Amino acid sequence: LGPLGGGKANMQWNVKYAPALRPLVGYVDDPERRATVERVLGRFEAHVAPSFASLRGQVIHNDLTTDNVLFGPDLRVSGILDFGDMAYSALVCDLVSTAEALMGP
């Protein structure tokens, strides 16, 4: 996992560790995309990271997208798949990943 170290506790998909991804920004070839990543990381470090520890935390699925949720004939959730990204993080991150997936490309 590069600069994040080993183990699930420090995985790249856990938003609370986003600042640790900064050393990887140089691997983004496109200058515009690299600038966007730098900007997003900067905003995260300035506005989210300082208060992240105060958010309600628990073990979360961390990838609740439409690809990982099963629906029954009544359109109610009948199951959840892919638990490989589970992490202890802020509860709100599950809502964010779901909302992002529903926004489309």
PDB file of N, CA and C in Angstrom:
ATOM      1  N   LEU A   1       0.808  -1.203   0.000  1.00  0.00           N
ATOM      2  CA  LEU A   1       0.000   0.000   0.000  1.00  0.00           C
ATOM      3  C   LEU A   1       0.850   1.265   0.000  1.00  0.00           C
ATOM      4  N   GLY A   2       2.053   1.163  -0.352  1.00  0.00           N
ATOM      5  CA  GLY A   2       2.897   2.347  -0.487  1.00  0.00           C
ATOM      6  C   GLY A   2       3.058   3.103   0.807  1.00  0.00           C
ATOM      7  N   PRO A   3       2.847   4.428   0.785  1.00  0.00           N
ATOM      8  CA  PRO A   3       3.105   5.262   1.958  1.00  0.00           C
ATOM      9  C   PRO A   3       2.128   5.029   3.096  1.00  0.00           C
ATOM     10  N   LEU A   4       1.094   4.262   2.842  1.00  0.00           N
ATOM     11  CA  LEU A   4       0.102   4.040   3.885  1.00  0.00           C
ATOM     12  C   LEU A   4       0.463   2.869   4.791  1.00  0.00           C
ATOM     13  N   GLY A   5       1.474   2.115   4.428  1.00  0.00           N
ATOM     14  CA  GLY A   5       1.850   0.969   5.231  1.00  0.00           C
ATOM     15  C   GLY A   5       0.957  -0.219   4.922  1.00  0.00           C
ATOM     16  N   GLY A   6       1.100  -1.265   5.669  1.00  0.00           N
ATOM     17  CA  GLY A   6       0.339  -2.483   5.420  1.00  0.00           C
ATOM     18  C   GLY A   6      -0.883  -2.568   6.302  1.00  0.00           C
ATOM     19  N   GLY A   7      -1.686  -3.565   6.037  1.00  0.00           N
ATOM     20  CA  GLY A   7      -2.845  -3.848   6.869  1.00  0.00           C
ATOM     21  C   GLY A   7      -4.076  -3.064   6.463  1.00  0.00           C
ATOM     22  N   LYS A   8      -5.213  -3.633   6.800  1.00  0.00           N
ATOM     23  CA  LYS A   8      -6.495  -3.021   6.441  1.00  0.00           C
ATOM     24  C   LYS A   8      -6.727  -1.689   7.155  1.00  0.00           C
ATOM     25  N   ALA A   9      -6.146  -1.505   8.318  1.00  0.00           N
ATOM     26  CA  ALA A   9      -6.396  -0.272   9.075  1.00  0.00           C
ATOM     27  C   ALA A   9      -5.893   0.966   8.338  1.00  0.00           C
ATOM     28  N   ASN A  10      -4.904   0.788   7.460  1.00  0.00           N
ATOM     29  CA  ASN A  10      -4.324   1.921   6.748  1.00  0.00           C
ATOM     30  C   ASN A  10      -4.542   1.804   5.249  1.00  0.00           C
ATOM     31  N   MET A  11      -5.706   1.360   4.843  1.00  0.00           N
ATOM     32  CA  MET A  11      -5.902   1.135   3.418  1.00  0.00           C
ATOM     33  C   MET A  11      -6.169   2.415   2.651  1.00  0.00           C
ATOM     34  N   GLN A  12      -5.821   2.386   1.383  1.00  0.00           N
ATOM     35  CA  GLN A  12      -5.943   3.575   0.547  1.00  0.00           C
ATOM     36  C   GLN A  12      -7.378   4.032   0.370  1.00  0.00           C
ATOM     37  N   TRP A  13      -8.353   3.180   0.587  1.00  0.00           N
ATOM     38  CA  TRP A  13      -9.747   3.554   0.357  1.00  0.00           C
ATOM     39  C   TRP A  13     -10.373   4.216   1.580  1.00  0.00           C
ATOM     40  N   ASN A  14      -9.683   4.274   2.697  1.00  0.00           N
ATOM     41  CA  ASN A  14     -10.227   4.899   3.902  1.00  0.00           C
ATOM     42  C   ASN A  14      -9.969   6.404   3.813  1.00  0.00           C
ATOM     43  N   VAL A  15     -11.034   7.175   3.676  1.00  0.00           N
ATOM     44  CA  VAL A  15     -10.931   8.618   3.444  1.00  0.00           C
ATOM     45  C   VAL A  15     -10.095   9.321   4.506  1.00  0.00           C
ATOM     46  N   LYS A  16     -10.127   8.830   5.727  1.00  0.00           N
ATOM     47  CA  LYS A  16      -9.374   9.534   6.768  1.00  0.00           C
ATOM     48  C   LYS A  16      -7.876   9.544   6.492  1.00  0.00           C
ATOM     49  N   TYR A  17      -7.395   8.651   5.630  1.00  0.00           N
ATOM     50  CA  TYR A  17      -5.984   8.616   5.281  1.00  0.00           C
ATOM     51  C   TYR A  17      -5.676   9.322   3.962  1.00  0.00           C
ATOM     52  N   ALA A  18      -6.596  10.102   3.452  1.00  0.00           N
ATOM     53  CA  ALA A  18      -6.405  10.790   2.168  1.00  0.00           C
ATOM     54  C   ALA A  18      -5.096  11.590   2.113  1.00  0.00           C
ATOM     55  N   PRO A  19      -4.726  12.332   3.144  1.00  0.00           N
ATOM     56  CA  PRO A  19      -3.472  13.100   3.054  1.00  0.00           C
ATOM     57  C   PRO A  19      -2.235  12.232   2.801  1.00  0.00           C
ATOM     58  N   ALA A  20      -2.274  10.972   3.210  1.00  0.00           N
ATOM     59  CA  ALA A  20      -1.138  10.087   2.989  1.00  0.00           C
ATOM     60  C   ALA A  20      -0.960   9.724   1.514  1.00  0.00           C
ATOM     61  N   LEU A  21      -1.941  10.060   0.697  1.00  0.00           N
ATOM     62  CA  LEU A  21      -1.848   9.803  -0.743  1.00  0.00           C
ATOM     63  C   LEU A  21      -1.044  10.870  -1.480  1.00  0.00           C
ATOM     64  N   ARG A  22      -0.742  11.969  -0.816  1.00  0.00           N
ATOM     65  CA  ARG A  22      -0.045  13.076  -1.471  1.00  0.00           C
ATOM     66  C   ARG A  22       1.248  12.650  -2.191  1.00  0.00           C
ATOM     67  N   PRO A  23       2.062  11.752  -1.631  1.00  0.00           N
ATOM     68  CA  PRO A  23       3.278  11.352  -2.355  1.00  0.00           C
ATOM     69  C   PRO A  23       2.993  10.651  -3.691  1.00  0.00           C
ATOM     70  N   LEU A  24       1.773  10.183  -3.892  1.00  0.00           N
ATOM     71  CA  LEU A  24       1.430   9.487  -5.126  1.00  0.00           C
ATOM     72  C   LEU A  24       0.921  10.424  -6.225  1.00  0.00           C
ATOM     73  N   VAL A  25       0.705  11.676  -5.902  1.00  0.00           N
ATOM     74  CA  VAL A  25       0.150  12.636  -6.864  1.00  0.00           C
ATOM     75  C   VAL A  25       1.044  12.752  -8.098  1.00  0.00           C
ATOM     76  N   GLY A  26       2.324  12.631  -7.940  1.00  0.00           N
ATOM     77  CA  GLY A  26       3.247  12.739  -9.068  1.00  0.00           C
ATOM     78  C   GLY A  26       3.033  11.672 -10.133  1.00  0.00           C
ATOM     79  N   TYR A  27       2.328  10.603  -9.783  1.00  0.00           N
ATOM     80  CA  TYR A  27       2.055   9.548 -10.750  1.00  0.00           C
ATOM     81  C   TYR A  27       0.875   9.875 -11.664  1.00  0.00           C
ATOM     82  N   VAL A  28       0.174  10.954 -11.385  1.00  0.00           N
ATOM     83  CA  VAL A  28      -0.931  11.379 -12.250  1.00  0.00           C
ATOM     84  C   VAL A  28      -0.312  12.135 -13.416  1.00  0.00           C
ATOM     85  N   ASP A  29      -0.372  11.543 -14.594  1.00  0.00           N
ATOM     86  CA  ASP A  29       0.313  12.102 -15.763  1.00  0.00           C
ATOM     87  C   ASP A  29      -0.309  13.397 -16.274  1.00  0.00           C
ATOM     88  N   ASP A  30      -1.625  13.449 -16.317  1.00  0.00           N
ATOM     89  CA  ASP A  30      -2.299  14.617 -16.877  1.00  0.00           C
ATOM     90  C   ASP A  30      -2.166  15.805 -15.918  1.00  0.00           C
ATOM     91  N   PRO A  31      -1.581  16.925 -16.380  1.00  0.00           N
ATOM     92  CA  PRO A  31      -1.363  18.077 -15.494  1.00  0.00           C
ATOM     93  C   PRO A  31      -2.652  18.652 -14.902  1.00  0.00           C
ATOM     94  N   GLU A  32      -3.719  18.672 -15.676  1.00  0.00           N
ATOM     95  CA  GLU A  32      -4.989  19.206 -15.154  1.00  0.00           C
ATOM     96  C   GLU A  32      -5.548  18.310 -14.058  1.00  0.00           C
ATOM     97  N   ARG A  33      -5.506  17.014 -14.290  1.00  0.00           N
ATOM     98  CA  ARG A  33      -6.001  16.082 -13.268  1.00  0.00           C
ATOM     99  C   ARG A  33      -5.113  16.126 -12.027  1.00  0.00           C
ATOM    100  N   ARG A  34      -3.803  16.217 -12.235  1.00  0.00           N
ATOM    101  CA  ARG A  34      -2.881  16.307 -11.099  1.00  0.00           C
ATOM    102  C   ARG A  34      -3.190  17.560 -10.276  1.00  0.00           C
ATOM    103  N   ALA A  35      -3.449  18.677 -10.952  1.00  0.00           N
ATOM    104  CA  ALA A  35      -3.795  19.921 -10.250  1.00  0.00           C
ATOM    105  C   ALA A  35      -5.105  19.766  -9.482  1.00  0.00           C
ATOM    106  N   THR A  36      -6.058  19.053 -10.065  1.00  0.00           N
ATOM    107  CA  THR A  36      -7.340  18.812  -9.378  1.00  0.00           C
ATOM    108  C   THR A  36      -7.123  17.978  -8.131  1.00  0.00           C
ATOM    109  N   VAL A  37      -6.313  16.929  -8.240  1.00  0.00           N
ATOM    110  CA  VAL A  37      -6.020  16.078  -7.077  1.00  0.00           C
ATOM    111  C   VAL A  37      -5.334  16.897  -5.991  1.00  0.00           C
ATOM    112  N   GLU A  38      -4.371  17.725  -6.371  1.00  0.00           N
ATOM    113  CA  GLU A  38      -3.678  18.586  -5.397  1.00  0.00           C
ATOM    114  C   GLU A  38      -4.670  19.512  -4.692  1.00  0.00           C
ATOM    115  N   ARG A  39      -5.568  20.101  -5.469  1.00  0.00           N
ATOM    116  CA  ARG A  39      -6.571  21.020  -4.912  1.00  0.00           C
ATOM    117  C   ARG A  39      -7.497  20.295  -3.932  1.00  0.00           C
ATOM    118  N   VAL A  40      -7.963  19.100  -4.330  1.00  0.00           N
ATOM    119  CA  VAL A  40      -8.869  18.342  -3.468  1.00  0.00           C
ATOM    120  C   VAL A  40      -8.159  17.926  -2.183  1.00  0.00           C
ATOM    121  N   LEU A  41      -6.935  17.438  -2.301  1.00  0.00           N
ATOM    122  CA  LEU A  41      -6.184  17.068  -1.095  1.00  0.00           C
ATOM    123  C   LEU A  41      -5.951  18.283  -0.193  1.00  0.00           C
ATOM    124  N   GLY A  42      -5.641  19.411  -0.788  1.00  0.00           N
ATOM    125  CA  GLY A  42      -5.450  20.634  -0.012  1.00  0.00           C
ATOM    126  C   GLY A  42      -6.699  21.040   0.737  1.00  0.00           C
ATOM    127  N   ARG A  43      -7.842  20.958   0.060  1.00  0.00           N
ATOM    128  CA  ARG A  43      -9.116  21.301   0.715  1.00  0.00           C
ATOM    129  C   ARG A  43      -9.440  20.315   1.828  1.00  0.00           C
ATOM    130  N   PHE A  44      -9.162  19.030   1.570  1.00  0.00           N
ATOM    131  CA  PHE A  44      -9.397  18.013   2.598  1.00  0.00           C
ATOM    132  C   PHE A  44      -8.547  18.307   3.824  1.00  0.00           C
ATOM    133  N   GLU A  45      -7.264  18.568   3.599  1.00  0.00           N
ATOM    134  CA  GLU A  45      -6.352  18.833   4.713  1.00  0.00           C
ATOM    135  C   GLU A  45      -6.745  20.094   5.485  1.00  0.00           C
ATOM    136  N   ALA A  46      -7.250  21.090   4.800  1.00  0.00           N
ATOM    137  CA  ALA A  46      -7.613  22.348   5.449  1.00  0.00           C
ATOM    138  C   ALA A  46      -8.971  22.300   6.151  1.00  0.00           C
ATOM    139  N   HIS A  47      -9.923  21.601   5.556  1.00  0.00           N
ATOM    140  CA  HIS A  47     -11.301  21.700   6.053  1.00  0.00           C
ATOM    141  C   HIS A  47     -11.870  20.427   6.673  1.00  0.00           C
ATOM    142  N   VAL A  48     -11.405  19.266   6.250  1.00  0.00           N
ATOM    143  CA  VAL A  48     -11.979  18.011   6.743  1.00  0.00           C
ATOM    144  C   VAL A  48     -11.080  17.370   7.803  1.00  0.00           C
ATOM    145  N   ALA A  49      -9.817  17.214   7.488  1.00  0.00           N
ATOM    146  CA  ALA A  49      -8.893  16.515   8.391  1.00  0.00           C
ATOM    147  C   ALA A  49      -8.906  17.062   9.820  1.00  0.00           C
ATOM    148  N   PRO A  50      -8.945  18.383  10.017  1.00  0.00           N
ATOM    149  CA  PRO A  50      -8.913  18.889  11.398  1.00  0.00           C
ATOM    150  C   PRO A  50     -10.093  18.438  12.261  1.00  0.00           C
ATOM    151  N   SER A  51     -11.230  18.141  11.649  1.00  0.00           N
ATOM    152  CA  SER A  51     -12.391  17.746  12.446  1.00  0.00           C
ATOM    153  C   SER A  51     -12.788  16.287  12.236  1.00  0.00           C
ATOM    154  N   PHE A  52     -12.025  15.547  11.447  1.00  0.00           N
ATOM    155  CA  PHE A  52     -12.394  14.161  11.134  1.00  0.00           C
ATOM    156  C   PHE A  52     -12.530  13.316  12.401  1.00  0.00           C
ATOM    157  N   ALA A  53     -11.635  13.485  13.339  1.00  0.00           N
ATOM    158  CA  ALA A  53     -11.666  12.684  14.571  1.00  0.00           C
ATOM    159  C   ALA A  53     -12.928  12.932  15.398  1.00  0.00           C
ATOM    160  N   SER A  54     -13.575  14.071  15.218  1.00  0.00           N
ATOM    161  CA  SER A  54     -14.784  14.368  15.993  1.00  0.00           C
ATOM    162  C   SER A  54     -16.048  13.774  15.370  1.00  0.00           C
ATOM    163  N   LEU A  55     -15.937  13.233  14.152  1.00  0.00           N
ATOM    164  CA  LEU A  55     -17.085  12.610  13.501  1.00  0.00           C
ATOM    165  C   LEU A  55     -17.365  11.246  14.120  1.00  0.00           C
ATOM    166  N   ARG A  56     -18.624  10.845  14.125  1.00  0.00           N
ATOM    167  CA  ARG A  56     -18.989   9.535  14.667  1.00  0.00           C
ATOM    168  C   ARG A  56     -18.313   8.451  13.835  1.00  0.00           C
ATOM    169  N   GLY A  57     -17.568   7.581  14.482  1.00  0.00           N
ATOM    170  CA  GLY A  57     -16.850   6.527  13.792  1.00  0.00           C
ATOM    171  C   GLY A  57     -17.361   5.155  14.152  1.00  0.00           C
ATOM    172  N   GLN A  58     -17.231   4.243  13.209  1.00  0.00           N
ATOM    173  CA  GLN A  58     -17.579   2.850  13.417  1.00  0.00           C
ATOM    174  C   GLN A  58     -17.073   2.064  12.213  1.00  0.00           C
ATOM    175  N   VAL A  59     -17.199   0.757  12.236  1.00  0.00           N
ATOM    176  CA  VAL A  59     -16.855  -0.045  11.074  1.00  0.00           C
ATOM    177  C   VAL A  59     -17.911   0.233  10.007  1.00  0.00           C
ATOM    178  N   ILE A  60     -17.450   0.598   8.820  1.00  0.00           N
ATOM    179  CA  ILE A  60     -18.359   0.907   7.724  1.00  0.00           C
ATOM    180  C   ILE A  60     -18.055   0.007   6.528  1.00  0.00           C
ATOM    181  N   HIS A  61     -19.022  -0.145   5.652  1.00  0.00           N
ATOM    182  CA  HIS A  61     -18.837  -0.928   4.428  1.00  0.00           C
ATOM    183  C   HIS A  61     -17.802  -0.263   3.541  1.00  0.00           C
ATOM    184  N   ASN A  62     -17.887   1.047   3.394  1.00  0.00           N
ATOM    185  CA  ASN A  62     -16.910   1.885   2.704  1.00  0.00           C
ATOM    186  C   ASN A  62     -16.961   1.769   1.179  1.00  0.00           C
ATOM    187  N   ASP A  63     -17.993   1.109   0.649  1.00  0.00           N
ATOM    188  CA  ASP A  63     -18.149   1.009  -0.804  1.00  0.00           C
ATOM    189  C   ASP A  63     -19.601   0.702  -1.153  1.00  0.00           C
ATOM    190  N   LEU A  64     -20.528   1.407  -0.512  1.00  0.00           N
ATOM    191  CA  LEU A  64     -21.956   1.169  -0.756  1.00  0.00           C
ATOM    192  C   LEU A  64     -22.395   1.862  -2.049  1.00  0.00           C
ATOM    193  N   THR A  65     -22.072   1.235  -3.158  1.00  0.00           N
ATOM    194  CA  THR A  65     -22.455   1.751  -4.467  1.00  0.00           C
ATOM    195  C   THR A  65     -23.549   0.858  -5.043  1.00  0.00           C
ATOM    196  N   THR A  66     -24.145   1.288  -6.131  1.00  0.00           N
ATOM    197  CA  THR A  66     -25.211   0.491  -6.746  1.00  0.00           C
ATOM    198  C   THR A  66     -24.688  -0.859  -7.231  1.00  0.00           C
ATOM    199  N   ASP A  67     -23.386  -0.978  -7.458  1.00  0.00           N
ATOM    200  CA  ASP A  67     -22.804  -2.264  -7.855  1.00  0.00           C
ATOM    201  C   ASP A  67     -22.735  -3.250  -6.696  1.00  0.00           C
ATOM    202  N   ASN A  68     -22.795  -2.745  -5.480  1.00  0.00           N
ATOM    203  CA  ASN A  68     -22.616  -3.601  -4.307  1.00  0.00           C
ATOM    204  C   ASN A  68     -23.869  -3.768  -3.456  1.00  0.00           C
ATOM    205  N   VAL A  69     -25.002  -3.310  -3.953  1.00  0.00           N
ATOM    206  CA  VAL A  69     -26.264  -3.436  -3.223  1.00  0.00           C
ATOM    207  C   VAL A  69     -27.248  -4.218  -4.083  1.00  0.00           C
ATOM    208  N   LEU A  70     -27.885  -5.217  -3.497  1.00  0.00           N
ATOM    209  CA  LEU A  70     -28.900  -6.009  -4.197  1.00  0.00           C
ATOM    210  C   LEU A  70     -30.282  -5.508  -3.806  1.00  0.00           C
ATOM    211  N   PHE A  71     -31.188  -5.470  -4.782  1.00  0.00           N
ATOM    212  CA  PHE A  71     -32.548  -5.016  -4.542  1.00  0.00           C
ATOM    213  C   PHE A  71     -33.530  -6.133  -4.862  1.00  0.00           C
ATOM    214  N   GLY A  72     -34.572  -6.247  -4.038  1.00  0.00           N
ATOM    215  CA  GLY A  72     -35.620  -7.225  -4.279  1.00  0.00           C
ATOM    216  C   GLY A  72     -36.639  -6.675  -5.265  1.00  0.00           C
ATOM    217  N   PRO A  73     -37.656  -7.478  -5.588  1.00  0.00           N
ATOM    218  CA  PRO A  73     -38.682  -7.048  -6.546  1.00  0.00           C
ATOM    219  C   PRO A  73     -39.431  -5.790  -6.099  1.00  0.00           C
ATOM    220  N   ASP A  74     -39.469  -5.560  -4.790  1.00  0.00           N
ATOM    221  CA  ASP A  74     -40.144  -4.373  -4.254  1.00  0.00           C
ATOM    222  C   ASP A  74     -39.203  -3.162  -4.181  1.00  0.00           C
ATOM    223  N   LEU A  75     -37.997  -3.309  -4.747  1.00  0.00           N
ATOM    224  CA  LEU A  75     -36.965  -2.272  -4.771  1.00  0.00           C
ATOM    225  C   LEU A  75     -36.406  -1.928  -3.386  1.00  0.00           C
ATOM    226  N   ARG A  76     -36.609  -2.816  -2.440  1.00  0.00           N
ATOM    227  CA  ARG A  76     -35.985  -2.665  -1.129  1.00  0.00           C
ATOM    228  C   ARG A  76     -34.643  -3.388  -1.144  1.00  0.00           C
ATOM    229  N   VAL A  77     -33.721  -2.894  -0.350  1.00  0.00           N
ATOM    230  CA  VAL A  77     -32.403  -3.539  -0.279  1.00  0.00           C
ATOM    231  C   VAL A  77     -32.584  -4.948   0.284  1.00  0.00           C
ATOM    232  N   SER A  78     -32.061  -5.919  -0.456  1.00  0.00           N
ATOM    233  CA  SER A  78     -32.167  -7.309  -0.016  1.00  0.00           C
ATOM    234  C   SER A  78     -30.803  -7.911   0.325  1.00  0.00           C
ATOM    235  N   GLY A  79     -29.735  -7.202   0.000  1.00  0.00           N
ATOM    236  CA  GLY A  79     -28.416  -7.710   0.330  1.00  0.00           C
ATOM    237  C   GLY A  79     -27.326  -6.717  -0.018  1.00  0.00           C
ATOM    238  N   ILE A  80     -26.165  -6.947   0.543  1.00  0.00           N
ATOM    239  CA  ILE A  80     -25.004  -6.097   0.292  1.00  0.00           C
ATOM    240  C   ILE A  80     -23.833  -7.023  -0.025  1.00  0.00           C
ATOM    241  N   LEU A  81     -23.055  -6.645  -1.046  1.00  0.00           N
ATOM    242  CA  LEU A  81     -21.907  -7.434  -1.495  1.00  0.00           C
ATOM    243  C   LEU A  81     -20.603  -6.696  -1.239  1.00  0.00           C
ATOM    244  N   ASP A  82     -19.493  -7.397  -1.418  1.00  0.00           N
ATOM    245  CA  ASP A  82     -18.148  -6.821  -1.442  1.00  0.00           C
ATOM    246  C   ASP A  82     -17.779  -6.112  -0.142  1.00  0.00           C
ATOM    247  N   PHE A  83     -17.366  -6.897   0.814  1.00  0.00           N
ATOM    248  CA  PHE A  83     -16.981  -6.348   2.112  1.00  0.00           C
ATOM    249  C   PHE A  83     -15.477  -6.110   2.216  1.00  0.00           C
ATOM    250  N   GLY A  84     -14.766  -6.146   1.090  1.00  0.00           N
ATOM    251  CA  GLY A  84     -13.316  -6.020   1.081  1.00  0.00           C
ATOM    252  C   GLY A  84     -12.786  -4.639   1.429  1.00  0.00           C
ATOM    253  N   ASP A  85     -13.634  -3.626   1.381  1.00  0.00           N
ATOM    254  CA  ASP A  85     -13.186  -2.265   1.683  1.00  0.00           C
ATOM    255  C   ASP A  85     -13.609  -1.802   3.072  1.00  0.00           C
ATOM    256  N   MET A  86     -14.139  -2.701   3.886  1.00  0.00           N
ATOM    257  CA  MET A  86     -14.590  -2.314   5.222  1.00  0.00           C
ATOM    258  C   MET A  86     -13.450  -1.687   6.007  1.00  0.00           C
ATOM    259  N   ALA A  87     -13.803  -0.695   6.812  1.00  0.00           N
ATOM    260  CA  ALA A  87     -12.796   0.004   7.603  1.00  0.00           C
ATOM    261  C   ALA A  87     -13.477   0.686   8.777  1.00  0.00           C
ATOM    262  N   TYR A  88     -12.688   0.984   9.775  1.00  0.00           N
ATOM    263  CA  TYR A  88     -13.174   1.839  10.854  1.00  0.00           C
ATOM    264  C   TYR A  88     -12.931   3.268  10.385  1.00  0.00           C
ATOM    265  N   SER A  89     -14.008   3.999  10.188  1.00  0.00           N
ATOM    266  CA  SER A  89     -13.903   5.370   9.690  1.00  0.00           C
ATOM    267  C   SER A  89     -15.150   6.140  10.103  1.00  0.00           C
ATOM    268  N   ALA A  90     -15.288   7.336   9.612  1.00  0.00           N
ATOM    269  CA  ALA A  90     -16.466   8.149   9.925  1.00  0.00           C
ATOM    270  C   ALA A  90     -17.692   7.534   9.251  1.00  0.00           C
ATOM    271  N   LEU A  91     -18.762   7.393   9.985  1.00  0.00           N
ATOM    272  CA  LEU A  91     -20.004   6.812   9.488  1.00  0.00           C
ATOM    273  C   LEU A  91     -20.506   7.531   8.238  1.00  0.00           C
ATOM    274  N   VAL A  92     -20.334   8.831   8.200  1.00  0.00           N
ATOM    275  CA  VAL A  92     -20.820   9.621   7.076  1.00  0.00           C
ATOM    276  C   VAL A  92     -20.165   9.206   5.754  1.00  0.00           C
ATOM    277  N   CYS A  93     -19.021   8.564   5.797  1.00  0.00           N
ATOM    278  CA  CYS A  93     -18.336   8.142   4.562  1.00  0.00           C
ATOM    279  C   CYS A  93     -19.163   7.139   3.770  1.00  0.00           C
ATOM    280  N   ASP A  94     -19.953   6.299   4.435  1.00  0.00           N
ATOM    281  CA  ASP A  94     -20.831   5.385   3.700  1.00  0.00           C
ATOM    282  C   ASP A  94     -21.873   6.164   2.910  1.00  0.00           C
ATOM    283  N   LEU A  95     -22.444   7.176   3.513  1.00  0.00           N
ATOM    284  CA  LEU A  95     -23.424   8.013   2.821  1.00  0.00           C
ATOM    285  C   LEU A  95     -22.778   8.722   1.637  1.00  0.00           C
ATOM    286  N   VAL A  96     -21.580   9.210   1.826  1.00  0.00           N
ATOM    287  CA  VAL A  96     -20.874   9.933   0.761  1.00  0.00           C
ATOM    288  C   VAL A  96     -20.590   9.021  -0.423  1.00  0.00           C
ATOM    289  N   SER A  97     -20.123   7.795  -0.172  1.00  0.00           N
ATOM    290  CA  SER A  97     -19.818   6.890  -1.286  1.00  0.00           C
ATOM    291  C   SER A  97     -21.087   6.514  -2.038  1.00  0.00           C
ATOM    292  N   THR A  98     -22.189   6.370  -1.318  1.00  0.00           N
ATOM    293  CA  THR A  98     -23.469   6.052  -1.971  1.00  0.00           C
ATOM    294  C   THR A  98     -23.948   7.235  -2.809  1.00  0.00           C
ATOM    295  N   ALA A  99     -23.887   8.419  -2.253  1.00  0.00           N
ATOM    296  CA  ALA A  99     -24.322   9.615  -2.993  1.00  0.00           C
ATOM    297  C   ALA A  99     -23.473   9.833  -4.235  1.00  0.00           C
ATOM    298  N   GLU A 100     -22.179   9.624  -4.109  1.00  0.00           N
ATOM    299  CA  GLU A 100     -21.271   9.799  -5.256  1.00  0.00           C
ATOM    300  C   GLU A 100     -21.628   8.823  -6.359  1.00  0.00           C
ATOM    301  N   ALA A 101     -21.953   7.563  -5.992  1.00  0.00           N
ATOM    302  CA  ALA A 101     -22.296   6.565  -6.992  1.00  0.00           C
ATOM    303  C   ALA A 101     -23.593   6.916  -7.721  1.00  0.00           C
ATOM    304  N   LEU A 102     -24.509   7.556  -7.024  1.00  0.00           N
ATOM    305  CA  LEU A 102     -25.800   7.916  -7.620  1.00  0.00           C
ATOM    306  C   LEU A 102     -25.710   9.160  -8.489  1.00  0.00           C
ATOM    307  N   MET A 103     -24.631   9.927  -8.387  1.00  0.00           N
ATOM    308  CA  MET A 103     -24.478  11.147  -9.170  1.00  0.00           C
ATOM    309  C   MET A 103     -24.164  10.858 -10.635  1.00  0.00           C
ATOM    310  N   GLY A 104     -23.665   9.662 -10.930  1.00  0.00           N
ATOM    311  CA  GLY A 104     -23.357   9.305 -12.313  1.00  0.00           C
ATOM    312  C   GLY A 104     -21.970   9.747 -12.710  1.00  0.00           C
ATOM    313  N   PRO A 105     -21.628   9.461 -13.976  1.00  0.00           N
ATOM    314  CA  PRO A 105     -20.264   9.778 -14.453  1.00  0.00           C
ATOM    315  C   PRO A 105     -19.991  11.262 -14.560  1.00  0.00           C
TER     316      PRO A 105
END
